[in-house]
C-alpha cells in the first residue's frame, strides 16, 4: 500500500529544503510549483487564458510568462489572484493526480505531493497524511525578504496571502519544526517517515 503524504508549509518556511531531503531518499515527490510552471509554458492552453484575462503585459518578449509582473498584479488584488488560480489550479491538479497514481501503480511505499497551498486550495482529499514545515513568523519574514529581495511590506503581503502557519500546524498529522539547524530538521523527517512506514493507514 502506498501512503500519499501532503507536504506543505508557508512561504519561506523551509518546505523546499524538506522536499529535497525526501527526494534524496529516492521517494517520489510530485511538486506543484514545478507543474504550475510547466502548465503555463508557451503554447499551453493555460498561458493563452492568462493573456486573455490579464493582457499582453504579462508576457516577456520571448513569449514566456512574466512572473514578476503577474505576481505584482495578483498579490495586491484578491479577485485577480482567484482568477489566476481558477485558470492554473485545475491543470496542475490533473497532472499531480496522474503522477501520484503512477507511484501508487508502481507500489511505492510513499508518494509525496509537495503543495504550498494545500489547505488554501482545499486539496486535503488528495492525500492520506499531511506534513507541515513550520518556522516562526519572524524567521519567515527575514528569510523571504532576503531570498526574494523584497521590502518588508511586499514580503508581508505575500505571507498574508496564505493561511498562517499556526493554523496549518493545527490541521497537520505531523509538524517539522524548521527553526533550528538542518540536522535537526532531517532527524524529525526521518522519525516521521519511519513511524508512517510502520503504521497502517
C-alpha atoms as a PDB file:
ATOM      1  CA  UNK A   1       0.000   0.000   0.000  1.00  0.00           C
ATOM      2  CA  UNK A   2       1.253   3.448  -0.921  1.00  0.00           C
ATOM      3  CA  UNK A   3       0.967   6.200   1.671  1.00  0.00           C
ATOM      4  CA  UNK A   4       0.312   9.545  -0.023  1.00  0.00           C
ATOM      5  CA  UNK A   5       1.777  12.411   2.000  1.00  0.00           C
ATOM      6  CA  UNK A   6       0.839  16.056   1.505  1.00  0.00           C
ATOM      7  CA  UNK A   7       3.861  18.263   2.232  1.00  0.00           C
ATOM      8  CA  UNK A   8       3.074  21.915   2.880  1.00  0.00           C
ATOM      9  CA  UNK A   9       4.143  24.945   4.893  1.00  0.00           C
ATOM     10  CA  UNK A  10       4.283  28.689   4.427  1.00  0.00           C
ATOM     11  CA  UNK A  11       6.263  30.819   2.035  1.00  0.00           C
ATOM     12  CA  UNK A  12       9.971  30.674   3.117  1.00  0.00           C
ATOM     13  CA  UNK A  13       9.235  28.170   5.904  1.00  0.00           C
ATOM     14  CA  UNK A  14      11.749  25.646   4.557  1.00  0.00           C
ATOM     15  CA  UNK A  15       9.335  23.305   2.792  1.00  0.00           C
ATOM     16  CA  UNK A  16      11.618  23.094  -0.277  1.00  0.00           C
ATOM     17  CA  UNK A  17      14.513  22.055   1.954  1.00  0.00           C
ATOM     18  CA  UNK A  18      12.435  19.210   3.409  1.00  0.00           C
ATOM     19  CA  UNK A  19      11.214  18.284  -0.077  1.00  0.00           C
ATOM     20  CA  UNK A  20      14.830  17.997  -1.211  1.00  0.00           C
ATOM     21  CA  UNK A  21      15.662  15.766   1.788  1.00  0.00           C
ATOM     22  CA  UNK A  22      12.766  13.471   0.807  1.00  0.00           C
ATOM     23  CA  UNK A  23      13.938  13.275  -2.830  1.00  0.00           C
ATOM     24  CA  UNK A  24      17.438  12.336  -1.615  1.00  0.00           C
ATOM     25  CA  UNK A  25      15.900   9.149  -0.200  1.00  0.00           C
ATOM     26  CA  UNK A  26      14.570   8.190  -3.633  1.00  0.00           C
ATOM     27  CA  UNK A  27      10.973   8.939  -2.680  1.00  0.00           C
ATOM     28  CA  UNK A  28       8.753  10.258  -5.479  1.00  0.00           C
ATOM     29  CA  UNK A  29       7.940  13.939  -4.922  1.00  0.00           C
ATOM     30  CA  UNK A  30       5.190  15.468  -7.065  1.00  0.00           C
ATOM     31  CA  UNK A  31       5.974  19.190  -6.960  1.00  0.00           C
ATOM     32  CA  UNK A  32       3.002  21.508  -7.534  1.00  0.00           C
ATOM     33  CA  UNK A  33       5.271  24.516  -8.208  1.00  0.00           C
ATOM     34  CA  UNK A  34       7.207  22.691 -10.931  1.00  0.00           C
ATOM     35  CA  UNK A  35       3.966  21.520 -12.538  1.00  0.00           C
ATOM     36  CA  UNK A  36       2.494  25.043 -12.244  1.00  0.00           C
ATOM     37  CA  UNK A  37       5.437  26.346 -14.314  1.00  0.00           C
ATOM     38  CA  UNK A  38       5.025  23.589 -16.901  1.00  0.00           C
ATOM     39  CA  UNK A  39       1.295  24.224 -17.440  1.00  0.00           C
ATOM     40  CA  UNK A  40       1.886  27.929 -18.257  1.00  0.00           C
ATOM     41  CA  UNK A  41       4.687  27.288 -20.777  1.00  0.00           C
ATOM     42  CA  UNK A  42       4.339  28.890 -24.228  1.00  0.00           C
ATOM     43  CA  UNK A  43       1.795  27.021 -26.342  1.00  0.00           C
ATOM     44  CA  UNK A  44      -0.115  25.644 -23.337  1.00  0.00           C
ATOM     45  CA  UNK A  45      -3.844  26.459 -23.040  1.00  0.00           C
ATOM     46  CA  UNK A  46      -3.410  27.941 -19.533  1.00  0.00           C
ATOM     47  CA  UNK A  47      -0.982  30.611 -20.794  1.00  0.00           C
ATOM     48  CA  UNK A  48      -3.418  31.606 -23.527  1.00  0.00           C
ATOM     49  CA  UNK A  49      -6.168  32.016 -20.902  1.00  0.00           C
ATOM     50  CA  UNK A  50      -3.874  34.083 -18.650  1.00  0.00           C
ATOM     51  CA  UNK A  51      -3.095  36.506 -21.505  1.00  0.00           C
ATOM     52  CA  UNK A  52      -6.808  36.771 -22.342  1.00  0.00           C
ATOM     53  CA  UNK A  53      -7.574  37.567 -18.686  1.00  0.00           C
ATOM     54  CA  UNK A  54      -4.652  39.829 -17.713  1.00  0.00           C
ATOM     55  CA  UNK A  55      -3.486  41.254 -21.060  1.00  0.00           C
ATOM     56  CA  UNK A  56      -0.314  41.034 -23.166  1.00  0.00           C
ATOM     57  CA  UNK A  57       1.625  42.914 -20.448  1.00  0.00           C
ATOM     58  CA  UNK A  58       2.128  39.651 -18.537  1.00  0.00           C
ATOM     59  CA  UNK A  59       4.277  38.224 -21.346  1.00  0.00           C
ATOM     60  CA  UNK A  60       8.018  38.619 -21.798  1.00  0.00           C
ATOM     61  CA  UNK A  61       9.328  39.453 -25.306  1.00  0.00           C
ATOM     62  CA  UNK A  62      10.201  35.736 -25.607  1.00  0.00           C
ATOM     63  CA  UNK A  63       6.507  34.822 -25.272  1.00  0.00           C
ATOM     64  CA  UNK A  64       7.037  33.332 -21.822  1.00  0.00           C
ATOM     65  CA  UNK A  65       5.097  34.390 -18.751  1.00  0.00           C
ATOM     66  CA  UNK A  66       6.479  37.417 -16.912  1.00  0.00           C
ATOM     67  CA  UNK A  67       6.068  36.006 -13.400  1.00  0.00           C
ATOM     68  CA  UNK A  68       7.274  39.137 -11.663  1.00  0.00           C
ATOM     69  CA  UNK A  69       4.712  41.320 -13.448  1.00  0.00           C
ATOM     70  CA  UNK A  70       1.905  38.836 -12.838  1.00  0.00           C
ATOM     71  CA  UNK A  71       2.952  38.454  -9.184  1.00  0.00           C
ATOM     72  CA  UNK A  72       2.707  42.206  -8.648  1.00  0.00           C
ATOM     73  CA  UNK A  73      -0.831  42.203 -10.085  1.00  0.00           C
ATOM     74  CA  UNK A  74      -2.199  39.250  -8.119  1.00  0.00           C
ATOM     75  CA  UNK A  75      -0.573  39.824  -4.728  1.00  0.00           C
ATOM     76  CA  UNK A  76      -2.296  43.178  -4.361  1.00  0.00           C
ATOM     77  CA  UNK A  77      -5.719  42.089  -5.676  1.00  0.00           C
ATOM     78  CA  UNK A  78      -7.558  39.124  -4.160  1.00  0.00           C
ATOM     79  CA  UNK A  79     -10.071  38.886  -7.025  1.00  0.00           C
ATOM     80  CA  UNK A  80      -7.303  38.713  -9.643  1.00  0.00           C
ATOM     81  CA  UNK A  81      -5.485  36.077  -7.619  1.00  0.00           C
ATOM     82  CA  UNK A  82      -8.656  33.978  -7.583  1.00  0.00           C
ATOM     83  CA  UNK A  83      -8.977  34.410 -11.358  1.00  0.00           C
ATOM     84  CA  UNK A  84      -5.433  33.173 -11.883  1.00  0.00           C
ATOM     85  CA  UNK A  85      -5.967  30.225  -9.548  1.00  0.00           C
ATOM     86  CA  UNK A  86      -9.121  29.317 -11.463  1.00  0.00           C
ATOM     87  CA  UNK A  87      -7.042  29.006 -14.643  1.00  0.00           C
ATOM     88  CA  UNK A  88      -3.919  27.307 -13.302  1.00  0.00           C
ATOM     89  CA  UNK A  89      -5.135  25.055 -10.468  1.00  0.00           C
ATOM     90  CA  UNK A  90      -7.317  22.622 -12.485  1.00  0.00           C
ATOM     91  CA  UNK A  91      -4.417  21.963 -14.884  1.00  0.00           C
ATOM     92  CA  UNK A  92      -1.974  21.456 -12.010  1.00  0.00           C
ATOM     93  CA  UNK A  93      -4.363  19.135 -10.166  1.00  0.00           C
ATOM     94  CA  UNK A  94      -4.828  16.951 -13.263  1.00  0.00           C
ATOM     95  CA  UNK A  95      -1.060  16.460 -13.711  1.00  0.00           C
ATOM     96  CA  UNK A  96      -0.467  15.904  -9.975  1.00  0.00           C
ATOM     97  CA  UNK A  97      -3.064  13.145  -9.856  1.00  0.00           C
ATOM     98  CA  UNK A  98      -1.501  11.497 -12.911  1.00  0.00           C
ATOM     99  CA  UNK A  99       1.939  11.445 -11.236  1.00  0.00           C
ATOM    100  CA  UNK A 100       0.502  10.369  -7.855  1.00  0.00           C
ATOM    101  CA  UNK A 101      -1.335   7.439  -9.461  1.00  0.00           C
ATOM    102  CA  UNK A 102       1.840   6.327 -11.276  1.00  0.00           C
ATOM    103  CA  UNK A 103       3.527   5.967  -7.872  1.00  0.00           C
ATOM    104  CA  UNK A 104       0.580   4.013  -6.481  1.00  0.00           C
ATOM    105  CA  UNK A 105       0.525   1.743  -9.557  1.00  0.00           C
ATOM    106  CA  UNK A 106       4.242   1.020  -9.037  1.00  0.00           C
ATOM    107  CA  UNK A 107       3.554   0.027  -5.422  1.00  0.00           C
ATOM    108  CA  UNK A 108       5.888   2.670  -3.952  1.00  0.00           C
ATOM    109  CA  UNK A 109       5.862   2.950  -0.140  1.00  0.00           C
ATOM    110  CA  UNK A 110       5.431   6.750  -0.213  1.00  0.00           C
ATOM    111  CA  UNK A 111       4.365   9.361  -2.730  1.00  0.00           C
ATOM    112  CA  UNK A 112       4.780  12.958  -1.552  1.00  0.00           C
ATOM    113  CA  UNK A 113       2.633  15.744  -3.004  1.00  0.00           C
ATOM    114  CA  UNK A 114       4.548  18.983  -2.407  1.00  0.00           C
ATOM    115  CA  UNK A 115       1.730  21.566  -2.396  1.00  0.00           C
ATOM    116  CA  UNK A 116       2.439  25.042  -0.940  1.00  0.00           C
ATOM    117  CA  UNK A 117      -1.276  25.952  -0.887  1.00  0.00           C
ATOM    118  CA  UNK A 118      -2.635  22.544   0.163  1.00  0.00           C
ATOM    119  CA  UNK A 119      -5.166  23.966   2.634  1.00  0.00           C
ATOM    120  CA  UNK A 120      -5.930  27.181   0.746  1.00  0.00           C
ATOM    121  CA  UNK A 121      -6.759  25.135  -2.376  1.00  0.00           C
ATOM    122  CA  UNK A 122      -8.712  22.557  -0.321  1.00  0.00           C
ATOM    123  CA  UNK A 123      -6.649  19.640  -1.641  1.00  0.00           C
ATOM    124  CA  UNK A 124      -6.511  17.656   1.616  1.00  0.00           C
ATOM    125  CA  UNK A 125      -8.609  14.941  -0.049  1.00  0.00           C
ATOM    126  CA  UNK A 126      -5.757  14.051  -2.417  1.00  0.00           C
ATOM    127  CA  UNK A 127      -3.535  12.755   0.409  1.00  0.00           C
ATOM    128  CA  UNK A 128      -3.586  10.284   3.324  1.00  0.00           C
ATOM    129  CA  UNK A 129      -1.390  12.267   5.727  1.00  0.00           C
ATOM    130  CA  UNK A 130      -0.345  15.919   5.992  1.00  0.00           C
ATOM    131  CA  UNK A 131       3.121  17.108   6.995  1.00  0.00           C
ATOM    132  CA  UNK A 132       3.612  20.834   7.717  1.00  0.00           C
ATOM    133  CA  UNK A 133       7.024  22.533   7.816  1.00  0.00           C
ATOM    134  CA  UNK A 134       6.929  25.237  10.498  1.00  0.00           C
ATOM    135  CA  UNK A 135       9.052  28.252  11.299  1.00  0.00           C
ATOM    136  CA  UNK A 136       8.331  31.414  13.294  1.00  0.00           C
ATOM    137  CA  UNK A 137       6.726  34.429  11.515  1.00  0.00           C
ATOM    138  CA  UNK A 138       9.881  36.450  12.291  1.00  0.00           C
ATOM    139  CA  UNK A 139      12.175  33.903  10.635  1.00  0.00           C
ATOM    140  CA  UNK A 140       9.735  33.537   7.758  1.00  0.00           C
ATOM    141  CA  UNK A 141       9.747  37.305   7.138  1.00  0.00           C
ATOM    142  CA  UNK A 142      13.533  37.688   7.272  1.00  0.00           C
ATOM    143  CA  UNK A 143      14.115  34.635   5.034  1.00  0.00           C
ATOM    144  CA  UNK A 144      11.579  35.834   2.485  1.00  0.00           C
ATOM    145  CA  UNK A 145      12.953  39.389   2.337  1.00  0.00           C
ATOM    146  CA  UNK A 146      16.470  38.035   1.861  1.00  0.00           C
ATOM    147  CA  UNK A 147      15.588  35.253  -0.582  1.00  0.00           C
ATOM    148  CA  UNK A 148      13.355  37.307  -2.900  1.00  0.00           C
ATOM    149  CA  UNK A 149      14.982  40.687  -2.280  1.00  0.00           C
ATOM    150  CA  UNK A 150      11.644  42.143  -1.100  1.00  0.00           C
ATOM    151  CA  UNK A 151      10.747  45.094   1.086  1.00  0.00           C
ATOM    152  CA  UNK A 152       9.142  44.243   4.430  1.00  0.00           C
ATOM    153  CA  UNK A 153       5.779  45.469   3.100  1.00  0.00           C
ATOM    154  CA  UNK A 154       5.929  43.255  -0.022  1.00  0.00           C
ATOM    155  CA  UNK A 155       7.105  40.245   1.971  1.00  0.00           C
ATOM    156  CA  UNK A 156       4.266  40.660   4.488  1.00  0.00           C
ATOM    157  CA  UNK A 157       1.750  40.918   1.636  1.00  0.00           C
ATOM    158  CA  UNK A 158       2.906  37.553   0.328  1.00  0.00           C
ATOM    159  CA  UNK A 159       2.797  35.986   3.778  1.00  0.00           C
ATOM    160  CA  UNK A 160      -0.705  37.320   4.438  1.00  0.00           C
ATOM    161  CA  UNK A 161      -1.918  35.943   1.102  1.00  0.00           C
ATOM    162  CA  UNK A 162      -1.587  32.487   2.714  1.00  0.00           C
ATOM    163  CA  UNK A 163      -3.150  30.879   5.768  1.00  0.00           C
ATOM    164  CA  UNK A 164      -0.979  31.349   8.843  1.00  0.00           C
ATOM    165  CA  UNK A 165       1.472  28.583   9.676  1.00  0.00           C
ATOM    166  CA  UNK A 166      -0.105  28.246  13.142  1.00  0.00           C
ATOM    167  CA  UNK A 167      -3.465  27.371  11.513  1.00  0.00           C
ATOM    168  CA  UNK A 168      -1.796  24.871   9.188  1.00  0.00           C
ATOM    169  CA  UNK A 169       0.010  23.173  12.087  1.00  0.00           C
ATOM    170  CA  UNK A 170      -3.298  22.557  13.836  1.00  0.00           C
ATOM    171  CA  UNK A 171      -4.599  20.647  10.793  1.00  0.00           C
ATOM    172  CA  UNK A 172      -1.418  18.598  10.232  1.00  0.00           C
ATOM    173  CA  UNK A 173      -0.815  14.955  11.123  1.00  0.00           C
ATOM    174  CA  UNK A 174       2.803  15.875  11.874  1.00  0.00           C
ATOM    175  CA  UNK A 175       4.797  19.123  12.071  1.00  0.00           C
ATOM    176  CA  UNK A 176       8.509  19.583  11.356  1.00  0.00           C
ATOM    177  CA  UNK A 177       9.993  22.461  13.359  1.00  0.00           C
ATOM    178  CA  UNK A 178      12.436  24.115  10.954  1.00  0.00           C
ATOM    179  CA  UNK A 179      13.715  26.821  13.314  1.00  0.00           C
ATOM    180  CA  UNK A 180      16.950  25.020  14.233  1.00  0.00           C
ATOM    181  CA  UNK A 181      19.884  23.555  12.282  1.00  0.00           C
ATOM    182  CA  UNK A 182      19.308  21.312   9.245  1.00  0.00           C
ATOM    183  CA  UNK A 183      20.443  18.164  11.052  1.00  0.00           C
ATOM    184  CA  UNK A 184      17.532  18.628  13.457  1.00  0.00           C
ATOM    185  CA  UNK A 185      15.067  19.059  10.573  1.00  0.00           C
ATOM    186  CA  UNK A 186      16.441  15.933   8.863  1.00  0.00           C
ATOM    187  CA  UNK A 187      16.125  13.869  12.066  1.00  0.00           C
ATOM    188  CA  UNK A 188      12.496  14.915  12.572  1.00  0.00           C
ATOM    189  CA  UNK A 189      11.681  13.974   8.965  1.00  0.00           C
ATOM    190  CA  UNK A 190      13.324  10.560   9.317  1.00  0.00           C
ATOM    191  CA  UNK A 191      11.441   9.809  12.551  1.00  0.00           C
ATOM    192  CA  UNK A 192       8.121  10.688  10.906  1.00  0.00           C
ATOM    193  CA  UNK A 193       8.793   8.567   7.805  1.00  0.00           C
ATOM    194  CA  UNK A 194       9.870   5.629   9.987  1.00  0.00           C
ATOM    195  CA  UNK A 195       6.693   5.939  12.049  1.00  0.00           C
ATOM    196  CA  UNK A 196       4.438   6.159   8.996  1.00  0.00           C
ATOM    197  CA  UNK A 197       6.155   3.271   7.256  1.00  0.00           C
ATOM    198  CA  UNK A 198       5.201   1.004  10.142  1.00  0.00           C
ATOM    199  CA  UNK A 199       1.676   2.295  10.649  1.00  0.00           C
ATOM    200  CA  UNK A 200      -1.325   1.018   8.743  1.00  0.00           C
ATOM    201  CA  UNK A 201      -3.324   3.750   7.071  1.00  0.00           C
END
